N, C-alpha and C. Protein backbone atom coordinates (compact mmCIF):
# COMPACT_ATOMS: atom_id res chain seq x y z
N MET A 1 -21.58 21.79 -21.61
CA MET A 1 -21.06 21.26 -20.72
C MET A 1 -21.43 22.30 -19.29
N THR A 2 -21.99 21.18 -18.47
CA THR A 2 -22.07 21.96 -17.08
C THR A 2 -21.15 22.14 -16.39
N ASN A 3 -21.29 23.17 -15.18
CA ASN A 3 -20.48 23.04 -13.88
C ASN A 3 -19.84 21.67 -13.21
N ALA A 4 -20.96 21.27 -13.09
CA ALA A 4 -20.69 19.73 -12.45
C ALA A 4 -19.78 19.10 -13.44
N THR A 5 -20.07 18.69 -14.24
CA THR A 5 -19.11 17.87 -15.69
C THR A 5 -18.09 18.42 -15.71
N ARG A 6 -17.75 19.81 -15.61
CA ARG A 6 -16.34 20.21 -15.55
C ARG A 6 -15.58 19.88 -14.53
N ASN A 7 -16.37 19.85 -13.20
CA ASN A 7 -15.47 19.68 -12.16
C ASN A 7 -15.07 18.65 -11.81
N ASP A 8 -15.86 17.35 -12.65
CA ASP A 8 -16.00 16.12 -12.14
C ASP A 8 -14.42 15.45 -12.40
N LEU A 9 -13.92 14.70 -11.16
CA LEU A 9 -12.49 14.47 -11.46
C LEU A 9 -12.65 13.42 -12.68
N LEU A 10 -13.74 12.71 -12.34
CA LEU A 10 -13.86 11.76 -13.59
C LEU A 10 -13.98 11.92 -14.99
N GLY A 11 -13.99 12.89 -15.47
CA GLY A 11 -14.45 13.78 -16.27
C GLY A 11 -13.01 13.93 -17.49
N THR A 12 -11.73 13.35 -16.78
CA THR A 12 -10.42 13.43 -17.69
C THR A 12 -9.89 12.06 -17.37
N TYR A 13 -9.54 11.57 -18.37
CA TYR A 13 -8.55 10.12 -17.72
C TYR A 13 -7.55 9.91 -17.18
N ARG A 14 -6.78 11.46 -17.05
CA ARG A 14 -5.63 11.70 -16.39
C ARG A 14 -5.91 11.87 -15.19
N ASN A 15 -7.24 12.89 -14.75
CA ASN A 15 -7.48 12.87 -13.38
C ASN A 15 -8.18 11.55 -12.77
N ALA A 16 -8.60 10.40 -13.21
CA ALA A 16 -9.45 9.30 -12.78
C ALA A 16 -8.13 8.41 -12.79
N ILE A 17 -7.13 8.33 -13.74
CA ILE A 17 -6.02 7.34 -14.04
C ILE A 17 -5.66 7.86 -12.18
N LEU A 18 -5.06 9.06 -12.00
CA LEU A 18 -4.03 9.50 -10.61
C LEU A 18 -4.96 9.19 -9.38
N ALA A 19 -6.33 9.62 -9.51
CA ALA A 19 -7.21 9.38 -8.44
C ALA A 19 -7.69 8.13 -8.11
N TRP A 20 -7.65 7.15 -9.20
CA TRP A 20 -8.35 6.01 -8.48
C TRP A 20 -7.61 4.83 -9.31
N TRP A 21 -7.47 4.83 -10.59
CA TRP A 21 -6.83 3.60 -11.14
C TRP A 21 -5.45 3.24 -10.64
N LEU A 22 -4.42 4.11 -10.42
CA LEU A 22 -3.09 3.98 -10.07
C LEU A 22 -3.29 3.41 -8.79
N PRO A 23 -4.13 3.73 -7.62
CA PRO A 23 -4.23 3.36 -6.53
C PRO A 23 -4.50 1.77 -6.43
N ILE A 24 -5.55 1.52 -7.26
CA ILE A 24 -6.07 0.21 -7.57
C ILE A 24 -5.39 -0.71 -8.05
N GLY A 25 -4.31 -0.43 -9.07
CA GLY A 25 -3.22 -0.92 -9.74
C GLY A 25 -2.20 -1.21 -8.74
N LEU A 26 -1.94 -0.41 -7.80
CA LEU A 26 -1.02 -0.46 -6.74
C LEU A 26 -1.49 -1.65 -5.76
N MET A 27 -3.03 -1.43 -5.56
CA MET A 27 -3.15 -2.63 -4.65
C MET A 27 -3.43 -3.83 -5.45
N VAL A 28 -3.47 -4.22 -6.06
CA VAL A 28 -3.36 -5.37 -7.15
C VAL A 28 -2.00 -5.94 -6.88
N LEU A 29 -1.21 -4.83 -7.42
CA LEU A 29 0.58 -5.24 -7.69
C LEU A 29 0.65 -5.80 -6.20
N ALA A 30 0.27 -4.84 -5.30
CA ALA A 30 1.02 -5.52 -3.81
C ALA A 30 0.48 -7.01 -3.29
N ILE A 31 -0.82 -7.26 -3.96
CA ILE A 31 -1.29 -8.81 -3.20
C ILE A 31 -0.05 -9.48 -2.96
N TRP A 32 0.98 -9.65 -4.10
CA TRP A 32 2.08 -10.24 -4.05
C TRP A 32 3.16 -9.95 -2.62
N LEU A 33 3.15 -9.08 -1.95
CA LEU A 33 4.07 -8.40 -1.14
C LEU A 33 3.75 -9.18 0.09
N PRO A 34 4.89 -8.93 0.90
CA PRO A 34 4.26 -9.74 2.66
C PRO A 34 3.51 -8.69 2.99
N THR A 35 3.07 -9.25 4.27
CA THR A 35 2.02 -8.70 4.76
C THR A 35 1.97 -7.20 5.39
N GLY A 36 3.20 -6.86 6.08
CA GLY A 36 3.31 -5.39 6.36
C GLY A 36 3.13 -4.39 5.16
N PRO A 37 4.23 -4.86 4.12
CA PRO A 37 4.09 -3.67 2.92
C PRO A 37 2.78 -3.88 2.29
N LYS A 38 2.44 -4.64 2.00
CA LYS A 38 0.76 -4.91 1.52
C LYS A 38 -0.04 -3.97 2.11
N THR A 39 -0.16 -4.34 3.85
CA THR A 39 -1.09 -3.60 4.67
C THR A 39 -0.60 -2.15 4.10
N ALA A 40 0.47 -1.70 4.51
CA ALA A 40 1.08 -0.43 3.79
C ALA A 40 0.25 0.16 2.70
N VAL A 41 0.54 -0.21 1.50
CA VAL A 41 -0.02 -0.25 0.11
C VAL A 41 -1.44 0.09 0.27
N TRP A 42 -2.30 -0.77 0.63
CA TRP A 42 -3.26 -0.96 0.52
C TRP A 42 -3.85 0.24 1.77
N VAL A 43 -3.44 0.49 2.58
CA VAL A 43 -3.87 1.60 3.51
C VAL A 43 -4.00 3.12 3.00
N VAL A 44 -2.50 2.97 2.45
CA VAL A 44 -2.62 4.71 1.46
C VAL A 44 -3.41 4.58 0.36
N ALA A 45 -3.53 3.66 -0.29
CA ALA A 45 -4.59 3.73 -1.40
C ALA A 45 -5.62 3.73 -1.22
N LEU A 46 -6.18 2.93 -0.06
CA LEU A 46 -7.68 3.31 0.50
C LEU A 46 -8.04 4.83 0.46
N ALA A 47 -6.96 5.36 1.47
CA ALA A 47 -6.94 6.91 2.23
C ALA A 47 -7.04 7.72 1.14
N TRP A 48 -5.89 7.30 -0.36
CA TRP A 48 -6.01 8.34 -1.24
C TRP A 48 -7.46 8.30 -2.02
N MET A 49 -7.68 7.14 -2.51
CA MET A 49 -9.26 7.17 -3.09
C MET A 49 -10.31 7.45 -2.51
N GLY A 50 -10.30 7.37 -1.33
CA GLY A 50 -11.39 7.76 -0.12
C GLY A 50 -11.52 9.61 -0.26
N GLY A 51 -10.42 9.88 0.00
CA GLY A 51 -9.86 11.47 0.01
C GLY A 51 -10.32 11.71 -1.33
N ALA A 52 -10.13 11.45 -2.79
CA ALA A 52 -10.31 11.33 -3.97
C ALA A 52 -12.18 11.88 -4.02
N CYS A 53 -12.55 10.71 -3.68
CA CYS A 53 -13.94 10.86 -3.73
C CYS A 53 -14.80 11.71 -2.84
N ILE A 54 -14.05 12.27 -2.13
CA ILE A 54 -14.81 13.01 -0.77
C ILE A 54 -14.39 14.45 -1.46
N TRP A 55 -13.29 14.71 -1.75
CA TRP A 55 -12.70 16.13 -2.85
C TRP A 55 -13.68 16.16 -4.27
N ASN A 56 -14.08 15.10 -4.68
CA ASN A 56 -14.75 15.07 -5.97
C ASN A 56 -15.98 15.27 -5.56
N ASN A 57 -16.82 14.59 -4.69
CA ASN A 57 -18.30 15.10 -4.35
C ASN A 57 -18.09 16.40 -3.57
N ARG A 58 -17.08 16.95 -3.09
CA ARG A 58 -17.08 18.65 -3.01
C ARG A 58 -17.19 19.24 -3.98
N ARG A 59 -16.28 19.01 -5.15
CA ARG A 59 -16.05 19.80 -6.21
C ARG A 59 -17.49 19.84 -7.22
N CYS A 60 -17.91 18.55 -7.42
CA CYS A 60 -18.74 18.80 -8.26
C CYS A 60 -20.14 17.99 -8.22
N GLY A 61 -20.32 17.42 -7.06
CA GLY A 61 -21.48 16.78 -6.25
C GLY A 61 -21.62 15.55 -6.83
N ARG A 62 -20.75 14.94 -7.20
CA ARG A 62 -21.02 13.49 -8.02
C ARG A 62 -21.29 12.63 -6.69
N VAL A 63 -22.60 12.04 -6.96
CA VAL A 63 -23.59 11.33 -6.01
C VAL A 63 -22.91 10.10 -5.48
N HIS A 64 -22.19 9.38 -6.37
CA HIS A 64 -21.53 8.11 -5.66
C HIS A 64 -20.57 8.05 -5.07
N CYS A 65 -19.74 9.33 -5.11
CA CYS A 65 -18.69 9.73 -4.50
C CYS A 65 -18.86 10.11 -2.88
N ARG A 66 -20.25 10.77 -2.83
CA ARG A 66 -20.79 11.02 -1.35
C ARG A 66 -20.57 9.67 -0.51
N TYR A 67 -20.95 8.33 -1.10
CA TYR A 67 -20.99 7.05 -0.47
C TYR A 67 -19.73 6.34 -0.72
N THR A 68 -19.27 6.57 -1.67
CA THR A 68 -17.87 5.76 -1.98
C THR A 68 -16.71 6.17 -1.16
N GLY A 69 -16.63 7.52 -0.94
CA GLY A 69 -15.42 8.11 -0.20
C GLY A 69 -15.65 7.54 1.22
N PRO A 70 -16.65 7.44 1.95
CA PRO A 70 -16.56 6.98 3.28
C PRO A 70 -16.39 5.77 3.74
N PHE A 71 -16.84 4.67 2.58
CA PHE A 71 -16.90 3.55 2.48
C PHE A 71 -15.38 3.20 2.08
N LEU A 72 -14.66 3.59 1.33
CA LEU A 72 -13.47 3.14 1.32
C LEU A 72 -11.99 3.68 2.25
N LEU A 73 -12.68 5.02 3.07
CA LEU A 73 -12.09 5.42 4.33
C LEU A 73 -12.03 4.28 5.53
N ALA A 74 -13.64 3.95 5.43
CA ALA A 74 -13.99 2.92 6.34
C ALA A 74 -13.22 1.35 6.23
N MET A 75 -12.80 0.95 5.12
CA MET A 75 -12.28 -0.32 4.81
C MET A 75 -10.86 -0.51 5.56
N ILE A 76 -10.12 0.84 5.58
CA ILE A 76 -9.12 1.14 6.05
C ILE A 76 -9.13 0.08 7.43
N VAL A 77 -9.84 0.21 8.02
CA VAL A 77 -10.25 -0.40 9.58
C VAL A 77 -10.07 -1.98 9.58
N PRO A 78 -10.93 -2.59 8.61
CA PRO A 78 -10.59 -4.05 8.37
C PRO A 78 -9.09 -4.61 7.87
N VAL A 79 -8.64 -3.47 6.85
CA VAL A 79 -7.31 -3.91 6.13
C VAL A 79 -6.37 -3.88 7.33
N LEU A 80 -6.45 -2.62 8.23
CA LEU A 80 -5.42 -2.68 9.08
C LEU A 80 -5.36 -3.75 10.08
N GLY A 81 -6.90 -4.32 10.49
CA GLY A 81 -6.86 -5.21 11.56
C GLY A 81 -6.31 -6.40 11.06
N HIS A 82 -6.87 -6.94 9.60
CA HIS A 82 -6.26 -8.24 9.13
C HIS A 82 -4.80 -8.03 9.22
N GLY A 83 -4.34 -6.91 8.43
CA GLY A 83 -2.79 -6.61 8.14
C GLY A 83 -1.99 -7.07 9.54
N THR A 84 -2.31 -6.41 10.84
CA THR A 84 -1.80 -6.64 11.74
C THR A 84 -1.83 -8.08 12.82
N GLY A 85 -2.58 -8.35 12.21
CA GLY A 85 -3.31 -9.82 12.75
C GLY A 85 -4.21 -9.71 14.26
N LEU A 86 -4.84 -8.30 14.37
CA LEU A 86 -5.82 -8.07 15.28
C LEU A 86 -7.08 -8.69 14.98
N VAL A 87 -7.27 -8.87 13.61
CA VAL A 87 -8.53 -9.50 13.20
C VAL A 87 -8.20 -10.35 12.20
N PRO A 88 -7.79 -11.76 12.39
CA PRO A 88 -7.23 -12.71 11.49
C PRO A 88 -8.40 -13.27 10.66
N LEU A 89 -8.50 -12.99 9.13
CA LEU A 89 -9.66 -13.17 8.40
C LEU A 89 -9.21 -14.72 7.70
N GLY A 90 -8.42 -15.26 8.12
CA GLY A 90 -8.10 -16.60 7.23
C GLY A 90 -7.10 -16.34 6.23
N PRO A 91 -6.57 -17.75 5.58
CA PRO A 91 -5.83 -17.58 4.67
C PRO A 91 -6.03 -16.94 3.60
N ASP A 92 -7.27 -16.64 3.13
CA ASP A 92 -8.22 -15.93 2.03
C ASP A 92 -8.70 -14.54 2.66
N GLY A 93 -8.31 -14.00 3.59
CA GLY A 93 -8.38 -12.55 4.06
C GLY A 93 -8.48 -11.61 3.34
N TRP A 94 -7.02 -11.47 2.22
CA TRP A 94 -6.69 -10.50 1.48
C TRP A 94 -7.78 -10.61 0.27
N ARG A 95 -8.16 -11.50 0.13
CA ARG A 95 -8.87 -11.98 -1.39
C ARG A 95 -10.24 -11.30 -1.01
N TRP A 96 -10.97 -11.75 0.13
CA TRP A 96 -12.10 -11.50 1.00
C TRP A 96 -12.03 -9.87 1.05
N LEU A 97 -11.19 -9.01 1.59
CA LEU A 97 -10.94 -7.94 1.69
C LEU A 97 -11.02 -7.25 0.25
N GLY A 98 -10.21 -7.65 -0.80
CA GLY A 98 -10.41 -6.70 -1.99
C GLY A 98 -11.42 -7.20 -2.57
N LEU A 99 -12.40 -8.47 -2.40
CA LEU A 99 -13.58 -8.54 -2.96
C LEU A 99 -14.75 -7.75 -2.58
N THR A 100 -14.44 -7.55 -1.19
CA THR A 100 -15.25 -6.73 -0.67
C THR A 100 -15.25 -5.27 -0.94
N ILE A 101 -13.86 -4.68 -1.26
CA ILE A 101 -13.39 -3.21 -1.39
C ILE A 101 -14.35 -3.19 -3.21
N GLY A 102 -13.61 -4.00 -3.84
CA GLY A 102 -13.94 -3.83 -5.11
C GLY A 102 -15.62 -4.11 -5.56
N ALA A 103 -16.32 -5.21 -5.07
CA ALA A 103 -17.59 -5.24 -4.97
C ALA A 103 -18.82 -4.00 -4.32
N GLY A 104 -18.20 -3.76 -2.98
CA GLY A 104 -18.84 -2.59 -2.69
C GLY A 104 -18.86 -1.58 -3.21
N SER A 105 -17.59 -0.89 -3.41
CA SER A 105 -17.26 0.27 -4.40
C SER A 105 -17.97 0.44 -5.80
N GLY A 106 -18.16 -0.87 -6.54
CA GLY A 106 -19.03 -1.00 -7.58
C GLY A 106 -20.46 -1.06 -7.38
N LEU A 107 -20.87 -1.94 -6.29
CA LEU A 107 -22.20 -1.52 -6.05
C LEU A 107 -23.10 -0.23 -5.78
N ILE A 108 -22.03 0.12 -4.68
CA ILE A 108 -22.33 1.97 -4.12
C ILE A 108 -22.35 2.66 -5.50
N TRP A 109 -21.56 2.58 -6.34
CA TRP A 109 -21.51 3.51 -7.52
C TRP A 109 -22.47 3.44 -8.30
N TYR A 110 -22.96 2.28 -8.71
CA TYR A 110 -23.69 1.78 -9.73
C TYR A 110 -25.48 2.10 -8.92
N LEU A 111 -25.45 1.65 -7.87
CA LEU A 111 -26.72 2.12 -7.21
C LEU A 111 -26.85 3.14 -6.77
N SER A 112 -26.06 3.92 -6.14
CA SER A 112 -26.51 5.52 -6.15
C SER A 112 -26.81 6.34 -7.43
N GLU A 113 -25.87 6.15 -8.32
CA GLU A 113 -26.19 6.75 -9.65
C GLU A 113 -27.44 6.21 -10.36
N LYS A 114 -27.80 4.97 -10.05
CA LYS A 114 -28.96 4.52 -10.72
C LYS A 114 -30.09 5.34 -9.98
N LEU A 115 -30.27 5.33 -8.72
CA LEU A 115 -31.11 5.79 -7.97
C LEU A 115 -31.24 7.69 -7.94
N MET A 116 -30.29 8.05 -7.76
CA MET A 116 -30.38 9.34 -7.29
C MET A 116 -29.96 10.19 -8.58
N GLY A 117 -29.28 9.59 -9.52
CA GLY A 117 -28.93 10.47 -10.81
C GLY A 117 -27.13 10.86 -10.60
N ARG A 118 -26.68 11.41 -11.23
CA ARG A 118 -25.12 11.21 -11.68
C ARG A 118 -24.62 12.57 -10.51
N TYR A 119 -25.19 13.61 -10.41
CA TYR A 119 -24.74 14.93 -9.95
C TYR A 119 -25.91 15.45 -8.81
N ARG A 120 -25.64 16.18 -7.67
CA ARG A 120 -26.68 16.46 -6.55
C ARG A 120 -26.00 18.09 -6.50
């Protein structure tokens, strides 16, 4: 086992669940909440996951984390904009935000590691 693999937060189920799957689950559960609480849950979850990605990149050099971390943190802006009504995205705004976050993260993960490898 290399040092990068050993330090990778995705290397254990416990860490992966705490860093990413728990916040994703909370975001999904929050879909049925009113806008205010939903916005708060999504902002905290995105900040948590983005921070975990950035930390993981610093710990082990995981390539996709270098890009998904800033992407997740950047997605806080449209979530706050829609949640506060400053940038109304229509009746399907939350769906579009969720799809953008999920598809964007997945695409970044797949393409970055496909093109540059797992660790740097």
